[in-house]
C-alpha atoms as a PDB file:
ATOM      1  CA  MET A   1       4.363   1.679 -47.078  1.00  0.00           C
ATOM      2  CA  THR A   2       7.691   0.591 -46.000  1.00  0.00           C
ATOM      3  CA  GLY A   3       8.276   4.084 -44.988  1.00  0.00           C
ATOM      4  CA  TRP A   4       5.250   4.482 -43.264  1.00  0.00           C
ATOM      5  CA  LEU A   5       5.099   1.307 -41.521  1.00  0.00           C
ATOM      6  CA  LEU A   6       8.452   2.764 -39.653  1.00  0.00           C
ATOM      7  CA  LEU A   7       7.108   6.040 -38.955  1.00  0.00           C
ATOM      8  CA  LEU A   8       3.944   3.994 -37.278  1.00  0.00           C
ATOM      9  CA  SER A   9       6.725   2.096 -35.883  1.00  0.00           C
ATOM     10  CA  ALA A  10       8.492   4.859 -34.901  1.00  0.00           C
ATOM     11  CA  THR A  11       5.222   7.070 -33.514  1.00  0.00           C
ATOM     12  CA  VAL A  12       4.106   4.048 -30.805  1.00  0.00           C
ATOM     13  CA  ALA A  13       7.737   3.462 -29.476  1.00  0.00           C
ATOM     14  CA  CYS A  14       8.263   7.078 -28.417  1.00  0.00           C
ATOM     15  CA  LEU A  15       4.694   7.295 -26.610  1.00  0.00           C
ATOM     16  CA  PHE A  16       5.752   4.114 -24.898  1.00  0.00           C
ATOM     17  CA  TRP A  17       9.238   5.142 -23.958  1.00  0.00           C
ATOM     18  CA  TYR A  18       7.011   8.729 -22.999  1.00  0.00           C
ATOM     19  CA  ASN A  19       4.648   6.845 -21.119  1.00  0.00           C
ATOM     20  CA  GLU A  20       7.535   4.964 -19.007  1.00  0.00           C
ATOM     21  CA  TRP A  21       9.556   8.016 -18.442  1.00  0.00           C
ATOM     22  CA  LYS A  22       6.394  10.364 -17.300  1.00  0.00           C
ATOM     23  CA  TYR A  23       5.623   7.841 -14.383  1.00  0.00           C
ATOM     24  CA  GLN A  24       9.514   7.207 -13.538  1.00  0.00           C
ATOM     25  CA  LEU A  25       8.851  10.805 -12.399  1.00  0.00           C
ATOM     26  CA  PRO A  26       8.703  11.384  -8.159  1.00  0.00           C
ATOM     27  CA  THR A  27       4.910  12.731  -7.830  1.00  0.00           C
ATOM     28  CA  PRO A  28       4.681  16.123  -6.740  1.00  0.00           C
ATOM     29  CA  VAL A  29       4.275  17.155  -2.632  1.00  0.00           C
ATOM     30  CA  PRO A  30       1.363  19.387  -2.004  1.00  0.00           C
ATOM     31  CA  SER A  31       1.749  22.257  -1.009  1.00  0.00           C
ATOM     32  CA  ASP A  32      -0.340  22.041   1.655  1.00  0.00           C
ATOM     33  CA  TYR A  33       1.350  18.673   2.703  1.00  0.00           C
ATOM     34  CA  LYS A  34       1.998  17.465   6.177  1.00  0.00           C
ATOM     35  CA  ALA A  35       4.523  15.229   6.303  1.00  0.00           C
ATOM     36  CA  VAL A  36       3.659  12.031   9.664  1.00  0.00           C
ATOM     37  CA  CYS A  37       6.261  10.342  11.153  1.00  0.00           C
ATOM     38  CA  THR A  38       6.828   6.509  12.077  1.00  0.00           C
ATOM     39  CA  GLY A  39       5.855   5.654  14.738  1.00  0.00           C
ATOM     40  CA  THR A  40       2.596   8.334  15.411  1.00  0.00           C
ATOM     41  CA  THR A  41      -0.308   6.682  16.197  1.00  0.00           C
ATOM     42  CA  ILE A  42      -2.816   6.042  13.071  1.00  0.00           C
ATOM     43  CA  ALA A  43      -6.509   6.525  14.168  1.00  0.00           C
ATOM     44  CA  LEU A  44      -8.864   3.510  12.359  1.00  0.00           C
ATOM     45  CA  THR A  45     -12.615   4.821  12.573  1.00  0.00           C
ATOM     46  CA  ASP A  46     -13.353   1.704   9.785  1.00  0.00           C
ATOM     47  CA  PRO A  47     -14.522  -1.082  12.376  1.00  0.00           C
ATOM     48  CA  THR A  48     -13.685  -3.722   9.815  1.00  0.00           C
ATOM     49  CA  LEU A  49      -9.550  -2.485  10.890  1.00  0.00           C
ATOM     50  CA  LYS A  50      -9.873  -3.188  14.591  1.00  0.00           C
ATOM     51  CA  LEU A  51     -11.234  -7.453  14.376  1.00  0.00           C
ATOM     52  CA  HIS A  52      -7.678  -8.261  15.421  1.00  0.00           C
ATOM     53  CA  HIS A  53      -4.396  -7.058  17.192  1.00  0.00           C
ATOM     54  CA  ARG A  54      -2.002  -7.316  14.740  1.00  0.00           C
ATOM     55  CA  PRO A  55      -0.040  -5.141  12.395  1.00  0.00           C
ATOM     56  CA  VAL A  56      -2.193  -4.398   8.727  1.00  0.00           C
ATOM     57  CA  LEU A  57      -1.542  -3.511   5.017  1.00  0.00           C
ATOM     58  CA  ILE A  58      -3.267   0.139   3.848  1.00  0.00           C
ATOM     59  CA  HIS A  59      -3.268  -0.062  -0.002  1.00  0.00           C
ATOM     60  CA  PHE A  60      -3.883   3.316  -1.020  1.00  0.00           C
ATOM     61  CA  PHE A  61      -5.526   2.799  -4.865  1.00  0.00           C
ATOM     62  CA  ASN A  62      -6.633   4.389  -7.455  1.00  0.00           C
ATOM     63  CA  PRO A  63      -8.329   2.491 -10.364  1.00  0.00           C
ATOM     64  CA  SER A  64      -7.356   5.123 -12.873  1.00  0.00           C
ATOM     65  CA  CYS A  65      -3.645   5.513 -12.164  1.00  0.00           C
ATOM     66  CA  PRO A  66      -2.078   2.792 -14.883  1.00  0.00           C
ATOM     67  CA  CYS A  67       0.769   2.870 -11.393  1.00  0.00           C
ATOM     68  CA  SER A  68      -1.768   1.328  -9.196  1.00  0.00           C
ATOM     69  CA  ARG A  69      -3.045  -1.777 -11.618  1.00  0.00           C
ATOM     70  CA  PHE A  70       0.578  -2.304 -11.336  1.00  0.00           C
ATOM     71  CA  ASN A  71       0.718  -2.653  -8.285  1.00  0.00           C
ATOM     72  CA  ILE A  72      -2.408  -5.218  -7.574  1.00  0.00           C
ATOM     73  CA  SER A  73      -0.955  -8.912  -8.218  1.00  0.00           C
ATOM     74  CA  THR A  74       1.891  -7.707  -5.694  1.00  0.00           C
ATOM     75  CA  LEU A  75      -0.303  -6.775  -3.021  1.00  0.00           C
ATOM     76  CA  ALA A  76      -2.638 -10.352  -3.648  1.00  0.00           C
ATOM     77  CA  SER A  77       1.263 -11.878  -2.988  1.00  0.00           C
ATOM     78  CA  LEU A  78       1.221 -10.154   0.003  1.00  0.00           C
ATOM     79  CA  VAL A  79      -2.274 -10.812   1.254  1.00  0.00           C
ATOM     80  CA  GLN A  80      -1.838 -14.672   0.371  1.00  0.00           C
ATOM     81  CA  GLN A  81       1.108 -14.709   1.985  1.00  0.00           C
ATOM     82  CA  TYR A  82      -0.088 -12.660   5.041  1.00  0.00           C
ATOM     83  CA  ARG A  83      -3.698 -13.224   5.754  1.00  0.00           C
ATOM     84  CA  SER A  84      -3.297 -15.626   8.321  1.00  0.00           C
ATOM     85  CA  ARG A  85      -0.751 -13.005  10.501  1.00  0.00           C
ATOM     86  CA  VAL A  86      -1.427  -8.832   8.881  1.00  0.00           C
ATOM     87  CA  ASP A  87      -4.740  -7.600   8.273  1.00  0.00           C
ATOM     88  CA  PHE A  88      -5.030  -6.103   4.794  1.00  0.00           C
ATOM     89  CA  ALA A  89      -7.742  -3.087   3.478  1.00  0.00           C
ATOM     90  CA  VAL A  90      -8.027  -1.057   0.307  1.00  0.00           C
ATOM     91  CA  VAL A  91      -8.546   2.508   0.260  1.00  0.00           C
ATOM     92  CA  LEU A  92     -10.591   3.482  -2.656  1.00  0.00           C
ATOM     93  CA  VAL A  93      -9.205   7.251  -3.863  1.00  0.00           C
ATOM     94  CA  THR A  94     -10.747   7.802  -7.294  1.00  0.00           C
ATOM     95  CA  GLY A  95     -12.593  10.832  -8.291  1.00  0.00           C
ATOM     96  CA  ASN A  96     -15.371   7.829  -9.790  1.00  0.00           C
ATOM     97  CA  SER A  97     -17.907   7.953  -7.468  1.00  0.00           C
ATOM     98  CA  THR A  98     -19.731   4.823  -9.124  1.00  0.00           C
ATOM     99  CA  TYR A  99     -17.164   2.886  -8.311  1.00  0.00           C
ATOM    100  CA  SER A 100     -17.594   0.767  -5.619  1.00  0.00           C
ATOM    101  CA  ASP A 101     -16.222  -2.304  -3.336  1.00  0.00           C
ATOM    102  CA  HIS A 102     -18.000  -4.807  -5.456  1.00  0.00           C
ATOM    103  CA  ASP A 103     -16.397  -3.108  -8.453  1.00  0.00           C
ATOM    104  CA  PHE A 104     -12.739  -3.733  -7.123  1.00  0.00           C
ATOM    105  CA  GLU A 105     -13.343  -7.512  -5.891  1.00  0.00           C
ATOM    106  CA  LEU A 106     -14.927  -8.172  -8.684  1.00  0.00           C
ATOM    107  CA  ARG A 107     -11.957  -7.154 -11.307  1.00  0.00           C
ATOM    108  CA  TYR A 108      -9.682  -8.038  -8.926  1.00  0.00           C
ATOM    109  CA  GLY A 109     -10.707 -10.797  -7.058  1.00  0.00           C
ATOM    110  CA  LEU A 110      -8.829  -9.757  -3.549  1.00  0.00           C
ATOM    111  CA  HIS A 111     -10.984 -10.037  -1.176  1.00  0.00           C
ATOM    112  CA  VAL A 112     -10.379  -7.570   1.485  1.00  0.00           C
ATOM    113  CA  PRO A 113     -11.850  -4.608   3.205  1.00  0.00           C
ATOM    114  CA  VAL A 114     -12.381  -1.742   0.366  1.00  0.00           C
ATOM    115  CA  LEU A 115     -12.273   1.491   1.912  1.00  0.00           C
ATOM    116  CA  HIS A 116     -14.037   5.141   0.904  1.00  0.00           C
ATOM    117  CA  ASP A 117     -12.318   6.957   3.713  1.00  0.00           C
ATOM    118  CA  THR A 118     -10.030   9.556   1.765  1.00  0.00           C
ATOM    119  CA  THR A 119      -9.110  11.247   4.697  1.00  0.00           C
ATOM    120  CA  LEU A 120      -7.172   8.206   5.867  1.00  0.00           C
ATOM    121  CA  ALA A 121      -4.389   9.014   3.365  1.00  0.00           C
ATOM    122  CA  ARG A 122      -3.842  12.441   4.902  1.00  0.00           C
ATOM    123  CA  ARG A 123      -3.357  11.090   8.535  1.00  0.00           C
ATOM    124  CA  CYS A 124      -1.020   8.560   7.144  1.00  0.00           C
ATOM    125  CA  GLY A 125       0.968  11.034   5.241  1.00  0.00           C
ATOM    126  CA  VAL A 126      -0.118   9.825   1.265  1.00  0.00           C
ATOM    127  CA  TYR A 127      -0.359  11.624  -1.561  1.00  0.00           C
ATOM    128  CA  SER A 128       0.204   9.481  -4.560  1.00  0.00           C
ATOM    129  CA  THR A 129      -1.550   6.432  -5.231  1.00  0.00           C
ATOM    130  CA  PRO A 130      -0.275   3.139  -5.235  1.00  0.00           C
ATOM    131  CA  GLN A 131       1.129   3.428  -1.038  1.00  0.00           C
ATOM    132  CA  ALA A 132       1.202   1.089   0.866  1.00  0.00           C
ATOM    133  CA  VAL A 133       0.627   1.946   4.445  1.00  0.00           C
ATOM    134  CA  ILE A 134       1.753  -0.108   7.422  1.00  0.00           C
ATOM    135  CA  LEU A 135       0.476  -0.178  11.037  1.00  0.00           C
ATOM    136  CA  ASP A 136       2.002  -2.430  13.727  1.00  0.00           C
ATOM    137  CA  GLN A 137      -0.137  -4.237  16.739  1.00  0.00           C
ATOM    138  CA  ASN A 138      -0.836  -0.813  18.051  1.00  0.00           C
ATOM    139  CA  ASN A 139      -1.628   1.028  15.266  1.00  0.00           C
ATOM    140  CA  ARG A 140       1.566   3.619  14.721  1.00  0.00           C
ATOM    141  CA  LEU A 141       2.846   4.128  11.606  1.00  0.00           C
ATOM    142  CA  TYR A 142       5.908   1.155  11.199  1.00  0.00           C
ATOM    143  CA  TYR A 143       6.160   2.170   7.132  1.00  0.00           C
ATOM    144  CA  ARG A 144       4.646   4.365   4.605  1.00  0.00           C
ATOM    145  CA  GLY A 145       5.947   3.967   0.597  1.00  0.00           C
ATOM    146  CA  ASN A 146       7.029   2.207  -2.110  1.00  0.00           C
ATOM    147  CA  TYR A 147       6.230  -1.458  -2.798  1.00  0.00           C
ATOM    148  CA  ASN A 148       8.620  -1.715  -4.987  1.00  0.00           C
ATOM    149  CA  SER A 149      11.692   0.087  -6.336  1.00  0.00           C
ATOM    150  CA  SER A 150      10.132  -1.866  -9.779  1.00  0.00           C
ATOM    151  CA  ARG A 151       7.667  -0.238 -11.760  1.00  0.00           C
ATOM    152  CA  TYR A 152       6.250  -3.867 -12.054  1.00  0.00           C
ATOM    153  CA  CYS A 153       7.779  -4.709  -8.723  1.00  0.00           C
ATOM    154  CA  ILE A 154       9.456  -7.937  -9.768  1.00  0.00           C
ATOM    155  CA  ASN A 155      13.047  -6.342  -8.328  1.00  0.00           C
ATOM    156  CA  GLU A 156      13.185  -8.537  -4.784  1.00  0.00           C
ATOM    157  CA  THR A 157      15.772  -7.317  -3.459  1.00  0.00           C
ATOM    158  CA  THR A 158      13.815  -3.811  -3.191  1.00  0.00           C
ATOM    159  CA  SER A 159      10.523  -5.365  -2.219  1.00  0.00           C
ATOM    160  CA  PHE A 160      10.315  -2.962   0.498  1.00  0.00           C
ATOM    161  CA  ALA A 161       6.405  -3.512   1.514  1.00  0.00           C
ATOM    162  CA  ARG A 162       7.413  -7.230   2.031  1.00  0.00           C
ATOM    163  CA  ILE A 163      10.485  -6.750   3.486  1.00  0.00           C
ATOM    164  CA  ALA A 164       8.684  -3.994   5.975  1.00  0.00           C
ATOM    165  CA  LEU A 165       5.981  -6.511   7.158  1.00  0.00           C
ATOM    166  CA  ASP A 166       8.559  -9.184   7.616  1.00  0.00           C
ATOM    167  CA  SER A 167      10.228  -7.038  10.654  1.00  0.00           C
ATOM    168  CA  VAL A 168       6.824  -5.479  11.674  1.00  0.00           C
ATOM    169  CA  LEU A 169       5.762  -9.363  12.210  1.00  0.00           C
ATOM    170  CA  ARG A 170       9.410  -9.988  14.682  1.00  0.00           C
ATOM    171  CA  GLN A 171       8.389  -6.805  16.136  1.00  0.00           C
ATOM    172  CA  VAL A 172      11.846  -5.013  15.196  1.00  0.00           C
ATOM    173  CA  PRO A 173      12.743  -1.456  14.496  1.00  0.00           C
ATOM    174  CA  SER A 174      11.563  -0.651  11.414  1.00  0.00           C
ATOM    175  CA  PRO A 175      14.309  -0.769   8.415  1.00  0.00           C
ATOM    176  CA  SER A 176      16.276   2.094   7.385  1.00  0.00           C
ATOM    177  CA  PHE A 177      15.237   2.654   3.746  1.00  0.00           C
ATOM    178  CA  ALA A 178      17.159   4.127   0.523  1.00  0.00           C
ATOM    179  CA  ILE A 179      14.729   7.166  -0.900  1.00  0.00           C
ATOM    180  CA  ALA A 180      13.669   5.052  -3.592  1.00  0.00           C
ATOM    181  CA  ALA A 181      11.242   3.611  -0.928  1.00  0.00           C
ATOM    182  CA  THR A 182      10.120   6.416   0.495  1.00  0.00           C
ATOM    183  CA  ARG A 183       9.774   9.287  -2.214  1.00  0.00           C
ATOM    184  CA  SER A 184       6.165   9.008  -3.495  1.00  0.00           C
ATOM    185  CA  TYR A 185       5.822   7.443  -7.183  1.00  0.00           C
ATOM    186  CA  GLY A 186       2.981   7.205  -9.133  1.00  0.00           C
ATOM    187  CA  CYS A 187      -0.156   9.501  -9.862  1.00  0.00           C
ATOM    188  CA  SER A 188      -1.422  12.778  -7.484  1.00  0.00           C
ATOM    189  CA  LEU A 189      -4.320  11.263  -5.078  1.00  0.00           C
ATOM    190  CA  VAL A 190      -7.804  11.315  -7.330  1.00  0.00           C
ATOM    191  CA  SER A 191      -6.206  13.082 -10.083  1.00  0.00           C
ATOM    192  CA  CYS A 192      -3.323  11.088 -11.557  1.00  0.00           C
ATOM    193  CA  ALA A 193      -1.200  13.906 -12.768  1.00  0.00           C
ATOM    194  CA  LYS A 194       1.913  13.492 -13.660  1.00  0.00           C
ATOM    195  CA  PRO A 195       4.546  16.955 -14.410  1.00  0.00           C
ATOM    196  CA  THR A 196       5.354  17.054 -18.276  1.00  0.00           C
ATOM    197  CA  ASN A 197       9.072  17.280 -17.680  1.00  0.00           C
ATOM    198  CA  PRO A 198      11.637  16.710 -14.658  1.00  0.00           C
END
């Protein structure tokens, strides 16, 4: 009996380790990817994003992606802290057409515009979830990247999205971040596919 319990425990530990390792690999860059440079003006077609003349944080979210779900509490914290000075929106990127705005609000308790404009990802140079895109008050790309270097967003010294928000509000040039801020980790858009080896 003890042998079976040890084997079961080892199997669970190996599965947990594999899952952690798999999501620490960078998301593969699509072959048709076109980079979008910082400073590029991003066309915002949704009227809910044109209500104020202030910065916007756009969160790209796939409910099937574990990394996207880990980031929701960080997004909620940013919304609470910056709501009076920054507009927020979530772009729902999912292959599940039955997942609605109401589902997102009900599940996560976030009352921000939920958009279904997947072309916004291409316009912003986003190819994975979760990703934060911050536009300045003139709709110019200020920051595109990760929220944090930590999967669970607990490392305050690498809280990239928060640092970028503070900088855009001070109207200073975008900070120079390490590659950990801008290399995409998480799930490829829609499919959540990850490589099986490095």
